């Protein structure tokens, strides 16, 4: 069994992959100071709760956009599973996907992993949107070459910035205004919901439209990340939603490098 670890800026996803499907998923907040022992105790308890045998873990693969977590996650792999992990982005790791950028090393591991998974599942030119701490837009050509993309602040980051910078504005949930309410806000909370949510939808649709025009061919748009389903319900810009894209990509890269 493969243990796939996806380290984001906000959360770390641990997922078990049996070679055919993802069987278990757990999340913990990202903390660069968390030790290998702390990870091991937490993960051991989760395995026991699910009736899993840690001896079943034969391989570990890690992708991280937070470099300070890698030392202790490598230690976790050795301590918990007794194996050396495959770290996406480390020297010698083959993505199986050319990167058409002047400096390929600049691309975050998460973006390449998503691209690898999406290209394996959907044919043709692709735009992959990942709704995380940042919202990323990545383009993959039909022949499987990563072409670049765009990075925007995530909607939660934008909401927190507005709350912290404006003394009289409250903190609100990320959601569209209630059914029956229009875009024109009739109160502070309604106005904030409208501006944040519909403004973000407008950004998504605008960037996707401009990317499609630049690509110049029919393009499929794949969304992943925590808020992908929410925005899919309120925008026609998204073709498919796959919340497990990252883990699928990690499994494919691991298999190719095993």
Protein backbone atom coordinates (compact mmCIF):
# COMPACT_ATOMS: atom_id res chain seq x y z
CA UNK A 1 0.00 0.00 0.00
CA UNK A 2 1.20 3.48 -0.88
CA UNK A 3 1.02 6.31 1.64
CA UNK A 4 0.74 9.58 -0.28
CA UNK A 5 1.46 12.83 1.58
CA UNK A 6 0.46 16.16 0.08
CA UNK A 7 1.76 19.16 2.04
CA UNK A 8 -0.12 22.37 1.34
CA UNK A 9 0.31 25.77 2.94
CA UNK A 10 -2.72 25.22 5.20
CA UNK A 11 -3.20 21.45 5.55
CA UNK A 12 -1.36 18.19 5.00
CA UNK A 13 -3.29 15.35 3.36
CA UNK A 14 -2.32 11.76 4.14
CA UNK A 15 -3.95 9.21 1.83
CA UNK A 16 -3.69 5.44 1.43
CA UNK A 17 -3.66 4.15 -2.15
CA UNK A 18 -3.90 0.41 -2.78
CA UNK A 19 -2.79 0.58 -6.40
CA UNK A 20 -6.31 0.88 -7.73
CA UNK A 21 -8.10 3.42 -5.58
CA UNK A 22 -7.77 5.74 -2.60
CA UNK A 23 -8.98 3.88 0.49
CA UNK A 24 -8.43 6.38 3.32
CA UNK A 25 -7.79 10.12 3.72
CA UNK A 26 -6.80 12.20 6.73
CA UNK A 27 -5.85 15.86 7.15
CA UNK A 28 -3.79 17.73 9.71
CA UNK A 29 -2.87 21.42 9.84
CA UNK A 30 0.50 22.29 8.33
CA UNK A 31 3.12 23.04 10.96
CA UNK A 32 6.79 23.14 10.04
CA UNK A 33 7.75 22.47 13.67
CA UNK A 34 5.79 19.24 14.03
CA UNK A 35 8.23 16.38 14.67
CA UNK A 36 8.42 12.95 13.07
CA UNK A 37 7.37 11.42 16.41
CA UNK A 38 4.26 13.61 16.56
CA UNK A 39 3.28 12.62 13.02
CA UNK A 40 3.89 8.94 13.84
CA UNK A 41 1.74 8.95 17.00
CA UNK A 42 -1.11 10.76 15.20
CA UNK A 43 -0.98 8.46 12.16
CA UNK A 44 -0.67 5.31 14.29
CA UNK A 45 -3.86 6.22 16.16
CA UNK A 46 -5.72 6.82 12.89
CA UNK A 47 -4.56 3.47 11.51
CA UNK A 48 -5.78 1.73 14.65
CA UNK A 49 -9.15 3.49 14.47
CA UNK A 50 -9.61 2.27 10.90
CA UNK A 51 -8.36 -1.25 11.63
CA UNK A 52 -5.34 -0.81 9.34
CA UNK A 53 -1.98 -2.51 9.76
CA UNK A 54 0.92 -0.09 9.41
CA UNK A 55 2.98 -2.99 8.05
CA UNK A 56 0.79 -2.81 4.94
CA UNK A 57 2.48 0.48 3.99
CA UNK A 58 5.23 -0.52 1.59
CA UNK A 59 5.95 2.85 -0.06
CA UNK A 60 5.67 6.57 0.72
CA UNK A 61 5.54 9.50 -1.70
CA UNK A 62 5.63 13.17 -0.62
CA UNK A 63 4.91 16.42 -2.41
CA UNK A 64 5.40 19.60 -0.40
CA UNK A 65 5.15 23.33 -1.01
CA UNK A 66 6.43 23.91 2.55
CA UNK A 67 10.12 22.88 2.51
CA UNK A 68 10.56 22.98 6.30
CA UNK A 69 8.18 20.00 6.68
CA UNK A 70 10.27 17.64 4.57
CA UNK A 71 12.92 16.69 7.15
CA UNK A 72 10.36 15.43 9.66
CA UNK A 73 8.13 13.80 7.03
CA UNK A 74 11.16 11.88 5.76
CA UNK A 75 11.72 10.82 9.37
CA UNK A 76 8.08 9.76 9.65
CA UNK A 77 8.43 7.58 6.56
CA UNK A 78 11.46 5.80 7.99
CA UNK A 79 9.96 5.45 11.48
CA UNK A 80 6.38 4.55 10.55
CA UNK A 81 6.88 2.47 7.40
CA UNK A 82 10.60 1.67 7.41
CA UNK A 83 11.09 3.02 3.89
CA UNK A 84 12.83 5.95 2.22
CA UNK A 85 10.14 8.18 0.68
CA UNK A 86 10.02 9.37 -2.90
CA UNK A 87 9.98 13.19 -2.71
CA UNK A 88 8.48 14.92 -5.74
CA UNK A 89 10.86 17.62 -6.93
CA UNK A 90 13.99 15.91 -5.59
CA UNK A 91 16.89 15.40 -8.02
CA UNK A 92 16.36 12.44 -10.30
CA UNK A 93 12.58 12.20 -9.90
CA UNK A 94 10.93 11.84 -13.30
CA UNK A 95 7.50 13.47 -13.69
CA UNK A 96 6.95 11.94 -17.09
CA UNK A 97 5.87 15.41 -18.25
CA UNK A 98 8.12 18.01 -19.94
CA UNK A 99 7.92 21.51 -18.44
CA UNK A 100 7.97 24.24 -21.06
CA UNK A 101 9.33 27.05 -18.86
CA UNK A 102 12.68 28.89 -18.79
CA UNK A 103 13.24 27.62 -15.24
CA UNK A 104 11.25 24.41 -14.64
CA UNK A 105 12.40 24.28 -11.00
CA UNK A 106 10.20 27.30 -10.23
CA UNK A 107 7.01 25.29 -10.64
CA UNK A 108 5.55 24.03 -7.37
CA UNK A 109 5.41 20.27 -6.91
CA UNK A 110 1.65 20.38 -6.37
CA UNK A 111 1.04 22.02 -9.74
CA UNK A 112 3.05 19.43 -11.68
CA UNK A 113 1.44 16.53 -9.81
CA UNK A 114 -2.06 17.84 -10.62
CA UNK A 115 -1.03 18.27 -14.26
CA UNK A 116 0.29 14.71 -14.51
CA UNK A 117 -2.94 13.27 -13.10
CA UNK A 118 -5.23 15.41 -15.24
CA UNK A 119 -3.38 14.59 -18.46
CA UNK A 120 -3.63 10.87 -17.68
CA UNK A 121 -7.42 11.08 -17.19
CA UNK A 122 -8.65 13.65 -19.74
CA UNK A 123 -7.54 14.00 -23.37
CA UNK A 124 -6.81 17.25 -25.17
CA UNK A 125 -5.69 20.64 -23.92
CA UNK A 126 -6.36 21.21 -20.23
CA UNK A 127 -6.63 23.99 -17.67
CA UNK A 128 -6.38 22.76 -14.07
CA UNK A 129 -7.70 25.01 -11.29
CA UNK A 130 -6.64 24.14 -7.74
CA UNK A 131 -8.55 25.94 -4.99
CA UNK A 132 -6.15 26.06 -2.06
CA UNK A 133 -4.47 28.75 0.03
CA UNK A 134 -3.63 30.16 -3.38
CA UNK A 135 -5.76 29.45 -6.43
CA UNK A 136 -3.61 28.15 -9.26
CA UNK A 137 -4.42 27.83 -12.95
CA UNK A 138 -2.19 25.43 -14.89
CA UNK A 139 -2.16 24.64 -18.61
CA UNK A 140 -1.22 21.29 -20.13
CA UNK A 141 -1.14 20.81 -23.90
CA UNK A 142 -2.76 17.84 -25.60
CA UNK A 143 0.64 16.22 -26.12
CA UNK A 144 1.34 16.26 -22.37
CA UNK A 145 3.60 19.29 -21.94
CA UNK A 146 3.18 21.61 -18.96
CA UNK A 147 2.90 25.12 -20.41
CA UNK A 148 2.65 27.39 -17.35
CA UNK A 149 -0.22 29.10 -15.62
CA UNK A 150 -1.37 31.75 -13.17
CA UNK A 151 -1.41 32.13 -9.38
CA UNK A 152 -4.01 34.18 -7.49
CA UNK A 153 -4.75 34.61 -3.78
CA UNK A 154 -7.22 32.02 -2.51
CA UNK A 155 -10.66 33.31 -1.58
CA UNK A 156 -10.11 32.58 2.14
CA UNK A 157 -6.89 34.59 1.99
CA UNK A 158 -8.74 37.47 0.34
CA UNK A 159 -11.51 37.28 2.93
CA UNK A 160 -9.03 37.32 5.83
CA UNK A 161 -7.17 40.29 4.33
CA UNK A 162 -10.42 42.26 4.03
CA UNK A 163 -11.44 41.41 7.60
CA UNK A 164 -8.04 42.34 9.06
CA UNK A 165 -7.60 45.56 7.10
CA UNK A 166 -11.10 47.01 7.53
CA UNK A 167 -11.97 47.61 11.20
CA UNK A 168 -15.76 47.66 10.74
CA UNK A 169 -16.13 44.65 8.47
CA UNK A 170 -17.00 41.28 10.05
CA UNK A 171 -15.52 37.89 9.23
CA UNK A 172 -17.90 35.97 6.95
CA UNK A 173 -18.19 32.47 5.53
CA UNK A 174 -17.20 31.72 1.95
CA UNK A 175 -20.58 31.31 0.27
CA UNK A 176 -22.80 33.13 -2.21
CA UNK A 177 -25.55 35.43 -0.90
CA UNK A 178 -28.65 33.56 0.23
CA UNK A 179 -31.09 32.39 -2.42
CA UNK A 180 -33.26 35.24 -3.59
CA UNK A 181 -30.66 37.90 -2.89
CA UNK A 182 -29.02 39.52 -5.89
CA UNK A 183 -25.55 40.83 -6.53
CA UNK A 184 -26.48 44.29 -5.21
CA UNK A 185 -25.93 44.00 -1.46
CA UNK A 186 -28.65 45.24 0.89
CA UNK A 187 -26.46 45.11 3.98
CA UNK A 188 -22.81 44.78 4.98
CA UNK A 189 -22.70 40.98 5.12
CA UNK A 190 -24.69 40.65 1.89
CA UNK A 191 -22.41 43.16 0.17
CA UNK A 192 -19.27 41.35 1.37
CA UNK A 193 -20.61 37.96 0.28
CA UNK A 194 -21.51 39.36 -3.11
CA UNK A 195 -18.17 41.09 -3.63
CA UNK A 196 -16.03 38.19 -2.47
CA UNK A 197 -17.95 35.30 -4.00
CA UNK A 198 -19.15 36.78 -7.29
CA UNK A 199 -15.92 38.71 -7.65
CA UNK A 200 -14.04 35.41 -7.36
CA UNK A 201 -16.35 33.72 -9.85
CA UNK A 202 -15.65 36.60 -12.22
CA UNK A 203 -11.91 36.15 -11.76
CA UNK A 204 -12.15 32.41 -12.47
CA UNK A 205 -14.24 32.90 -15.59
CA UNK A 206 -12.08 35.79 -16.79
CA UNK A 207 -8.76 33.94 -16.44
CA UNK A 208 -10.17 30.77 -17.99
CA UNK A 209 -11.59 32.74 -20.95
CA UNK A 210 -8.28 34.51 -21.55
CA UNK A 211 -6.30 31.26 -21.28
CA UNK A 212 -8.63 29.52 -23.73
CA UNK A 213 -8.23 32.41 -26.17
CA UNK A 214 -4.45 32.15 -25.85
CA UNK A 215 -4.49 28.37 -26.33
CA UNK A 216 -6.71 28.78 -29.37
CA UNK A 217 -8.25 25.28 -29.21
CA UNK A 218 -11.05 23.53 -27.38
CA UNK A 219 -9.91 23.15 -23.78
CA UNK A 220 -11.24 21.13 -20.84
CA UNK A 221 -11.19 22.77 -17.41
CA UNK A 222 -10.58 20.54 -14.36
CA UNK A 223 -11.09 21.82 -10.82
CA UNK A 224 -9.74 20.37 -7.59
CA UNK A 225 -9.25 21.54 -4.00
CA UNK A 226 -11.62 22.22 -1.13
CA UNK A 227 -13.85 24.80 -2.80
CA UNK A 228 -13.94 23.29 -6.29
CA UNK A 229 -17.43 21.82 -5.92
CA UNK A 230 -18.85 25.10 -4.59
CA UNK A 231 -17.58 27.16 -7.52
CA UNK A 232 -18.56 24.45 -9.99
CA UNK A 233 -22.18 24.89 -8.90
CA UNK A 234 -22.07 28.59 -9.70
CA UNK A 235 -19.97 28.78 -12.87
CA UNK A 236 -20.06 27.19 -16.30
CA UNK A 237 -16.30 27.67 -16.69
CA UNK A 238 -15.50 24.33 -15.00
CA UNK A 239 -15.90 21.08 -16.97
CA UNK A 240 -15.10 18.48 -14.28
CA UNK A 241 -14.33 18.36 -10.55
CA UNK A 242 -11.88 15.82 -9.11
CA UNK A 243 -11.10 16.26 -5.39
CA UNK A 244 -8.53 13.43 -5.51
CA UNK A 245 -6.45 14.75 -8.39
CA UNK A 246 -3.35 15.32 -6.26
CA UNK A 247 -3.28 11.83 -4.77
CA UNK A 248 -3.87 10.27 -8.20
CA UNK A 249 -0.92 12.24 -9.55
CA UNK A 250 1.32 11.22 -6.65
CA UNK A 251 0.44 7.56 -7.24
CA UNK A 252 1.27 7.84 -10.94
CA UNK A 253 4.60 9.58 -10.33
CA UNK A 254 5.52 7.03 -7.69
CA UNK A 255 4.68 4.14 -10.03
CA UNK A 256 6.78 5.68 -12.80
CA UNK A 257 9.80 6.10 -10.51
CA UNK A 258 9.53 2.91 -8.51
